[in-house]
Amino acid sequence: MKKLLSYIRSVLGGRYFVHKKVLELVELKNGDSLLDIGCGRGEVLELVHTKFGNEVSLTGVDVSPDAIWLAKENEFRTDKDSNIKFKVASAEDLPFPNNSFDFAISVIMAHHLDNAQKLKMVGEAKRVLKPGGKLLISDIGRPRGIFGQLASWISRNHFYTKNNMEVIESALKENNMEVVKFERQLGFLEHFLTKK
């Protein structure tokens, strides 16, 4: 019953569609490593693990110890023995050496950061990516259409949503990240897939 209610909330809240798009955009091969910046309860990492299995190394960081605890204890994890690692860490100060990951993602997290933090997060993501590594940032963006305008109005006071993806786009340019693909979704979500 809990899984069904979670699924219904996910669809109604748009997370289902975001997660589906993220899975389409993430490209990994055997032996690759992926970092989820702001992983929360680890839902996206679980989906990535389901798609790619234990042939890839998955790591999630979140500034909230409670979120990391929930990620480790997540009742929705289908494979409790998976190789997903979780760590309490800030997006602006990632505790990994340079050139550590093949892919990094940030899914519906950047709007929780102020503009200076967004810039630091993109810089840190670039630092920990291997040469040629990819960064996918999916978050609340510039509204398009009636649904997008409505969603923007509803979320207008939710953390730092105003100009969220404009700031991210500027941070990507400032860090010389090459935009490989840009997509809009549901009239208010944006996905930047970039390459180091």
C-alpha atoms as a PDB file:
ATOM      1  CA  MET A   1       0.000   0.000   0.000  1.00  0.00           C
ATOM      2  CA  LYS A   2       2.869   2.403   0.855  1.00  0.00           C
ATOM      3  CA  LYS A   3       4.465   1.780  -2.549  1.00  0.00           C
ATOM      4  CA  LEU A   4       1.165   2.512  -4.299  1.00  0.00           C
ATOM      5  CA  LEU A   5       0.631   5.766  -2.370  1.00  0.00           C
ATOM      6  CA  SER A   6       4.207   6.814  -3.047  1.00  0.00           C
ATOM      7  CA  TYR A   7       3.734   6.102  -6.759  1.00  0.00           C
ATOM      8  CA  ILE A   8       0.501   8.144  -6.884  1.00  0.00           C
ATOM      9  CA  ARG A   9       2.194  11.090  -5.125  1.00  0.00           C
ATOM     10  CA  SER A  10       5.135  10.764  -7.506  1.00  0.00           C
ATOM     11  CA  VAL A  11       2.906  10.956 -10.598  1.00  0.00           C
ATOM     12  CA  LEU A  12       0.745  13.798  -9.290  1.00  0.00           C
ATOM     13  CA  GLY A  13       3.792  15.773  -8.133  1.00  0.00           C
ATOM     14  CA  GLY A  14       5.626  15.315 -11.441  1.00  0.00           C
ATOM     15  CA  ARG A  15       8.549  13.349  -9.933  1.00  0.00           C
ATOM     16  CA  TYR A  16       7.650  10.267 -11.961  1.00  0.00           C
ATOM     17  CA  PHE A  17       8.088  12.195 -15.218  1.00  0.00           C
ATOM     18  CA  VAL A  18      11.314  13.861 -14.073  1.00  0.00           C
ATOM     19  CA  HIS A  19      12.794  10.540 -12.990  1.00  0.00           C
ATOM     20  CA  LYS A  20      11.781   8.917 -16.275  1.00  0.00           C
ATOM     21  CA  LYS A  21      13.488  11.715 -18.243  1.00  0.00           C
ATOM     22  CA  VAL A  22      16.612  11.503 -16.065  1.00  0.00           C
ATOM     23  CA  LEU A  23      16.849   7.766 -16.756  1.00  0.00           C
ATOM     24  CA  GLU A  24      16.604   8.497 -20.493  1.00  0.00           C
ATOM     25  CA  LEU A  25      19.451  11.024 -20.291  1.00  0.00           C
ATOM     26  CA  VAL A  26      21.855   9.096 -18.046  1.00  0.00           C
ATOM     27  CA  GLU A  27      24.364   7.125 -20.103  1.00  0.00           C
ATOM     28  CA  LEU A  28      26.580   4.637 -18.292  1.00  0.00           C
ATOM     29  CA  LYS A  29      28.640   1.642 -19.316  1.00  0.00           C
ATOM     30  CA  ASN A  30      30.084  -1.174 -17.221  1.00  0.00           C
ATOM     31  CA  GLY A  31      32.637   0.143 -14.763  1.00  0.00           C
ATOM     32  CA  ASP A  32      31.354   3.749 -14.838  1.00  0.00           C
ATOM     33  CA  SER A  33      30.680   5.760 -11.697  1.00  0.00           C
ATOM     34  CA  LEU A  34      27.829   8.176 -11.019  1.00  0.00           C
ATOM     35  CA  LEU A  35      27.407  10.788  -8.286  1.00  0.00           C
ATOM     36  CA  ASP A  36      23.949  12.050  -7.283  1.00  0.00           C
ATOM     37  CA  ILE A  37      24.354  15.507  -5.743  1.00  0.00           C
ATOM     38  CA  GLY A  38      21.492  16.169  -3.331  1.00  0.00           C
ATOM     39  CA  CYS A  39      20.256  12.588  -3.485  1.00  0.00           C
ATOM     40  CA  GLY A  40      17.651  12.953  -0.741  1.00  0.00           C
ATOM     41  CA  ARG A  41      16.191   9.530   0.055  1.00  0.00           C
ATOM     42  CA  GLY A  42      18.052   7.929  -2.854  1.00  0.00           C
ATOM     43  CA  GLU A  43      15.048   7.372  -5.121  1.00  0.00           C
ATOM     44  CA  VAL A  44      16.851   8.336  -8.325  1.00  0.00           C
ATOM     45  CA  LEU A  45      19.892   6.229  -7.443  1.00  0.00           C
ATOM     46  CA  GLU A  46      17.631   3.242  -6.877  1.00  0.00           C
ATOM     47  CA  LEU A  47      16.139   3.746 -10.355  1.00  0.00           C
ATOM     48  CA  VAL A  48      19.604   4.100 -11.893  1.00  0.00           C
ATOM     49  CA  HIS A  49      20.663   0.919 -10.104  1.00  0.00           C
ATOM     50  CA  THR A  50      17.597  -0.903 -11.413  1.00  0.00           C
ATOM     51  CA  LYS A  51      18.515   0.158 -14.958  1.00  0.00           C
ATOM     52  CA  PHE A  52      22.295  -0.459 -14.849  1.00  0.00           C
ATOM     53  CA  GLY A  53      22.765  -2.960 -12.006  1.00  0.00           C
ATOM     54  CA  ASN A  54      25.917  -3.550  -9.979  1.00  0.00           C
ATOM     55  CA  GLU A  55      28.149  -3.063 -13.038  1.00  0.00           C
ATOM     56  CA  VAL A  56      28.269   0.662 -12.226  1.00  0.00           C
ATOM     57  CA  SER A  57      29.324   2.422  -9.034  1.00  0.00           C
ATOM     58  CA  LEU A  58      26.692   4.736  -7.539  1.00  0.00           C
ATOM     59  CA  THR A  59      27.222   7.357  -4.843  1.00  0.00           C
ATOM     60  CA  GLY A  60      24.734   9.775  -3.340  1.00  0.00           C
ATOM     61  CA  VAL A  61      25.425  12.823  -1.208  1.00  0.00           C
ATOM     62  CA  ASP A  62      23.034  15.039   0.679  1.00  0.00           C
ATOM     63  CA  VAL A  63      23.593  17.755   3.264  1.00  0.00           C
ATOM     64  CA  SER A  64      20.842  16.296   5.465  1.00  0.00           C
ATOM     65  CA  PRO A  65      21.897  13.455   7.787  1.00  0.00           C
ATOM     66  CA  ASP A  66      18.215  12.488   8.045  1.00  0.00           C
ATOM     67  CA  ALA A  67      17.923  12.169   4.255  1.00  0.00           C
ATOM     68  CA  ILE A  68      21.036   9.982   4.132  1.00  0.00           C
ATOM     69  CA  TRP A  69      19.702   7.826   6.955  1.00  0.00           C
ATOM     70  CA  LEU A  70      16.425   7.430   5.041  1.00  0.00           C
ATOM     71  CA  ALA A  71      18.335   6.621   1.848  1.00  0.00           C
ATOM     72  CA  LYS A  72      20.243   3.861   3.620  1.00  0.00           C
ATOM     73  CA  GLU A  73      17.078   2.495   5.236  1.00  0.00           C
ATOM     74  CA  ASN A  74      14.762   3.144   2.274  1.00  0.00           C
ATOM     75  CA  GLU A  75      11.988   0.570   2.351  1.00  0.00           C
ATOM     76  CA  PHE A  76      11.497   1.009  -1.394  1.00  0.00           C
ATOM     77  CA  ARG A  77      15.015  -0.185  -2.256  1.00  0.00           C
ATOM     78  CA  THR A  78      14.567  -3.358  -4.204  1.00  0.00           C
ATOM     79  CA  ASP A  79      18.141  -4.584  -3.730  1.00  0.00           C
ATOM     80  CA  LYS A  80      19.396  -3.995  -0.200  1.00  0.00           C
ATOM     81  CA  ASP A  81      22.761  -5.481  -1.244  1.00  0.00           C
ATOM     82  CA  SER A  82      23.282  -3.034  -4.105  1.00  0.00           C
ATOM     83  CA  ASN A  83      26.542  -1.136  -4.391  1.00  0.00           C
ATOM     84  CA  ILE A  84      24.960   2.285  -3.754  1.00  0.00           C
ATOM     85  CA  LYS A  85      26.992   4.340  -1.287  1.00  0.00           C
ATOM     86  CA  PHE A  86      25.554   7.300   0.622  1.00  0.00           C
ATOM     87  CA  LYS A  87      27.406  10.116   2.355  1.00  0.00           C
ATOM     88  CA  VAL A  88      26.461  13.282   4.228  1.00  0.00           C
ATOM     89  CA  ALA A  89      28.067  16.118   2.267  1.00  0.00           C
ATOM     90  CA  SER A  90      27.359  19.573   0.913  1.00  0.00           C
ATOM     91  CA  ALA A  91      26.943  20.165  -2.827  1.00  0.00           C
ATOM     92  CA  GLU A  92      29.345  23.094  -2.503  1.00  0.00           C
ATOM     93  CA  ASP A  93      32.143  21.041  -0.904  1.00  0.00           C
ATOM     94  CA  LEU A  94      32.146  17.512  -2.306  1.00  0.00           C
ATOM     95  CA  PRO A  95      34.444  15.160  -0.343  1.00  0.00           C
ATOM     96  CA  PHE A  96      35.937  13.442  -3.379  1.00  0.00           C
ATOM     97  CA  PRO A  97      39.213  13.830  -5.250  1.00  0.00           C
ATOM     98  CA  ASN A  98      39.391  15.530  -8.635  1.00  0.00           C
ATOM     99  CA  ASN A  99      38.361  13.402 -11.635  1.00  0.00           C
ATOM    100  CA  SER A 100      36.476  10.777  -9.574  1.00  0.00           C
ATOM    101  CA  PHE A 101      33.212  10.253 -11.496  1.00  0.00           C
ATOM    102  CA  ASP A 102      32.098   9.560 -15.071  1.00  0.00           C
ATOM    103  CA  PHE A 103      28.659  11.094 -14.557  1.00  0.00           C
ATOM    104  CA  ALA A 104      27.047  13.415 -12.006  1.00  0.00           C
ATOM    105  CA  ILE A 105      23.391  14.308 -11.591  1.00  0.00           C
ATOM    106  CA  SER A 106      21.424  16.819  -9.577  1.00  0.00           C
ATOM    107  CA  VAL A 107      17.693  16.169  -9.719  1.00  0.00           C
ATOM    108  CA  ILE A 108      15.197  18.684  -8.310  1.00  0.00           C
ATOM    109  CA  MET A 109      17.765  19.971  -5.818  1.00  0.00           C
ATOM    110  CA  ALA A 110      19.359  23.139  -7.230  1.00  0.00           C
ATOM    111  CA  HIS A 111      16.356  25.309  -6.357  1.00  0.00           C
ATOM    112  CA  HIS A 112      17.200  24.699  -2.678  1.00  0.00           C
ATOM    113  CA  LEU A 113      20.502  26.566  -3.155  1.00  0.00           C
ATOM    114  CA  ASP A 114      21.000  30.306  -3.304  1.00  0.00           C
ATOM    115  CA  ASN A 115      22.778  31.725  -6.352  1.00  0.00           C
ATOM    116  CA  ALA A 116      26.279  31.595  -4.833  1.00  0.00           C
ATOM    117  CA  GLN A 117      25.714  27.985  -3.751  1.00  0.00           C
ATOM    118  CA  LYS A 118      24.519  27.050  -7.249  1.00  0.00           C
ATOM    119  CA  LEU A 119      27.737  28.409  -8.735  1.00  0.00           C
ATOM    120  CA  LYS A 120      29.840  26.482  -6.198  1.00  0.00           C
ATOM    121  CA  MET A 121      27.847  23.285  -6.827  1.00  0.00           C
ATOM    122  CA  VAL A 122      28.485  23.426 -10.575  1.00  0.00           C
ATOM    123  CA  GLY A 123      32.181  24.117  -9.946  1.00  0.00           C
ATOM    124  CA  GLU A 124      32.435  21.193  -7.541  1.00  0.00           C
ATOM    125  CA  ALA A 125      30.585  18.885  -9.930  1.00  0.00           C
ATOM    126  CA  LYS A 126      33.018  19.814 -12.697  1.00  0.00           C
ATOM    127  CA  ARG A 127      35.993  19.255 -10.382  1.00  0.00           C
ATOM    128  CA  VAL A 128      34.960  15.708  -9.433  1.00  0.00           C
ATOM    129  CA  LEU A 129      34.073  14.722 -13.003  1.00  0.00           C
ATOM    130  CA  LYS A 130      36.641  12.868 -15.078  1.00  0.00           C
ATOM    131  CA  PRO A 131      37.697  14.510 -18.356  1.00  0.00           C
ATOM    132  CA  GLY A 132      34.785  14.057 -20.755  1.00  0.00           C
ATOM    133  CA  GLY A 133      32.469  13.312 -17.832  1.00  0.00           C
ATOM    134  CA  LYS A 134      28.861  14.447 -17.970  1.00  0.00           C
ATOM    135  CA  LEU A 135      26.716  16.490 -15.610  1.00  0.00           C
ATOM    136  CA  LEU A 136      22.919  16.434 -15.738  1.00  0.00           C
ATOM    137  CA  ILE A 137      21.005  19.092 -13.828  1.00  0.00           C
ATOM    138  CA  SER A 138      17.216  18.687 -13.834  1.00  0.00           C
ATOM    139  CA  ASP A 139      15.195  21.245 -11.936  1.00  0.00           C
ATOM    140  CA  ILE A 140      12.459  23.861 -11.852  1.00  0.00           C
ATOM    141  CA  GLY A 141      13.035  26.220 -14.750  1.00  0.00           C
ATOM    142  CA  ARG A 142      11.525  28.904 -16.913  1.00  0.00           C
ATOM    143  CA  PRO A 143       7.759  28.392 -17.261  1.00  0.00           C
ATOM    144  CA  ARG A 144       6.184  27.773 -20.670  1.00  0.00           C
ATOM    145  CA  GLY A 145       2.468  27.521 -21.428  1.00  0.00           C
ATOM    146  CA  ILE A 146      -0.484  27.581 -19.082  1.00  0.00           C
ATOM    147  CA  PHE A 147       0.605  24.555 -17.032  1.00  0.00           C
ATOM    148  CA  GLY A 148       4.111  25.970 -16.679  1.00  0.00           C
ATOM    149  CA  GLN A 149       2.774  29.351 -15.573  1.00  0.00           C
ATOM    150  CA  LEU A 150       0.503  27.663 -13.018  1.00  0.00           C
ATOM    151  CA  ALA A 151       3.334  25.505 -11.669  1.00  0.00           C
ATOM    152  CA  SER A 152       5.587  28.573 -11.495  1.00  0.00           C
ATOM    153  CA  TRP A 153       2.949  30.519  -9.604  1.00  0.00           C
ATOM    154  CA  ILE A 154       2.419  27.653  -7.138  1.00  0.00           C
ATOM    155  CA  SER A 155       6.155  27.303  -6.478  1.00  0.00           C
ATOM    156  CA  ARG A 156       6.984  31.020  -6.504  1.00  0.00           C
ATOM    157  CA  ASN A 157       7.826  31.129  -2.788  1.00  0.00           C
ATOM    158  CA  HIS A 158       9.474  27.710  -2.643  1.00  0.00           C
ATOM    159  CA  PHE A 159      13.132  28.315  -1.784  1.00  0.00           C
ATOM    160  CA  TYR A 160      15.134  29.813  -4.679  1.00  0.00           C
ATOM    161  CA  THR A 161      12.969  28.911  -7.682  1.00  0.00           C
ATOM    162  CA  LYS A 162      13.006  32.398  -9.220  1.00  0.00           C
ATOM    163  CA  ASN A 163      15.599  32.457 -12.032  1.00  0.00           C
ATOM    164  CA  ASN A 164      16.796  29.028 -10.861  1.00  0.00           C
ATOM    165  CA  MET A 165      17.819  27.570 -14.212  1.00  0.00           C
ATOM    166  CA  GLU A 166      19.017  30.918 -15.570  1.00  0.00           C
ATOM    167  CA  VAL A 167      21.556  30.930 -12.726  1.00  0.00           C
ATOM    168  CA  ILE A 168      22.421  27.282 -13.405  1.00  0.00           C
ATOM    169  CA  GLU A 169      22.885  28.002 -17.120  1.00  0.00           C
ATOM    170  CA  SER A 170      25.169  30.930 -16.279  1.00  0.00           C
ATOM    171  CA  ALA A 171      27.157  28.770 -13.829  1.00  0.00           C
ATOM    172  CA  LEU A 172      27.560  26.074 -16.503  1.00  0.00           C
ATOM    173  CA  LYS A 173      28.911  28.670 -18.962  1.00  0.00           C
ATOM    174  CA  GLU A 174      31.208  30.178 -16.330  1.00  0.00           C
ATOM    175  CA  ASN A 175      32.635  26.700 -15.669  1.00  0.00           C
ATOM    176  CA  ASN A 176      33.067  25.971 -19.392  1.00  0.00           C
ATOM    177  CA  MET A 177      30.673  23.033 -19.328  1.00  0.00           C
ATOM    178  CA  GLU A 178      29.547  22.182 -22.857  1.00  0.00           C
ATOM    179  CA  VAL A 179      25.777  21.805 -23.198  1.00  0.00           C
ATOM    180  CA  VAL A 180      25.190  18.490 -24.979  1.00  0.00           C
ATOM    181  CA  LYS A 181      21.417  18.499 -24.681  1.00  0.00           C
ATOM    182  CA  PHE A 182      18.741  20.794 -23.285  1.00  0.00           C
ATOM    183  CA  GLU A 183      15.134  19.706 -22.804  1.00  0.00           C
ATOM    184  CA  ARG A 184      12.002  21.168 -21.278  1.00  0.00           C
ATOM    185  CA  GLN A 185       9.321  19.077 -19.635  1.00  0.00           C
ATOM    186  CA  LEU A 186       5.806  19.688 -18.329  1.00  0.00           C
ATOM    187  CA  GLY A 187       6.108  23.417 -19.041  1.00  0.00           C
ATOM    188  CA  PHE A 188       8.258  24.203 -15.997  1.00  0.00           C
ATOM    189  CA  LEU A 189      11.084  21.665 -15.721  1.00  0.00           C
ATOM    190  CA  GLU A 190      14.419  21.920 -17.506  1.00  0.00           C
ATOM    191  CA  HIS A 191      17.193  19.403 -18.062  1.00  0.00           C
ATOM    192  CA  PHE A 192      20.753  20.490 -18.881  1.00  0.00           C
ATOM    193  CA  LEU A 193      23.016  17.623 -19.953  1.00  0.00           C
ATOM    194  CA  THR A 194      26.573  18.944 -20.120  1.00  0.00           C
ATOM    195  CA  LYS A 195      30.085  17.641 -20.702  1.00  0.00           C
ATOM    196  CA  LYS A 196      33.361  18.558 -19.036  1.00  0.00           C
END
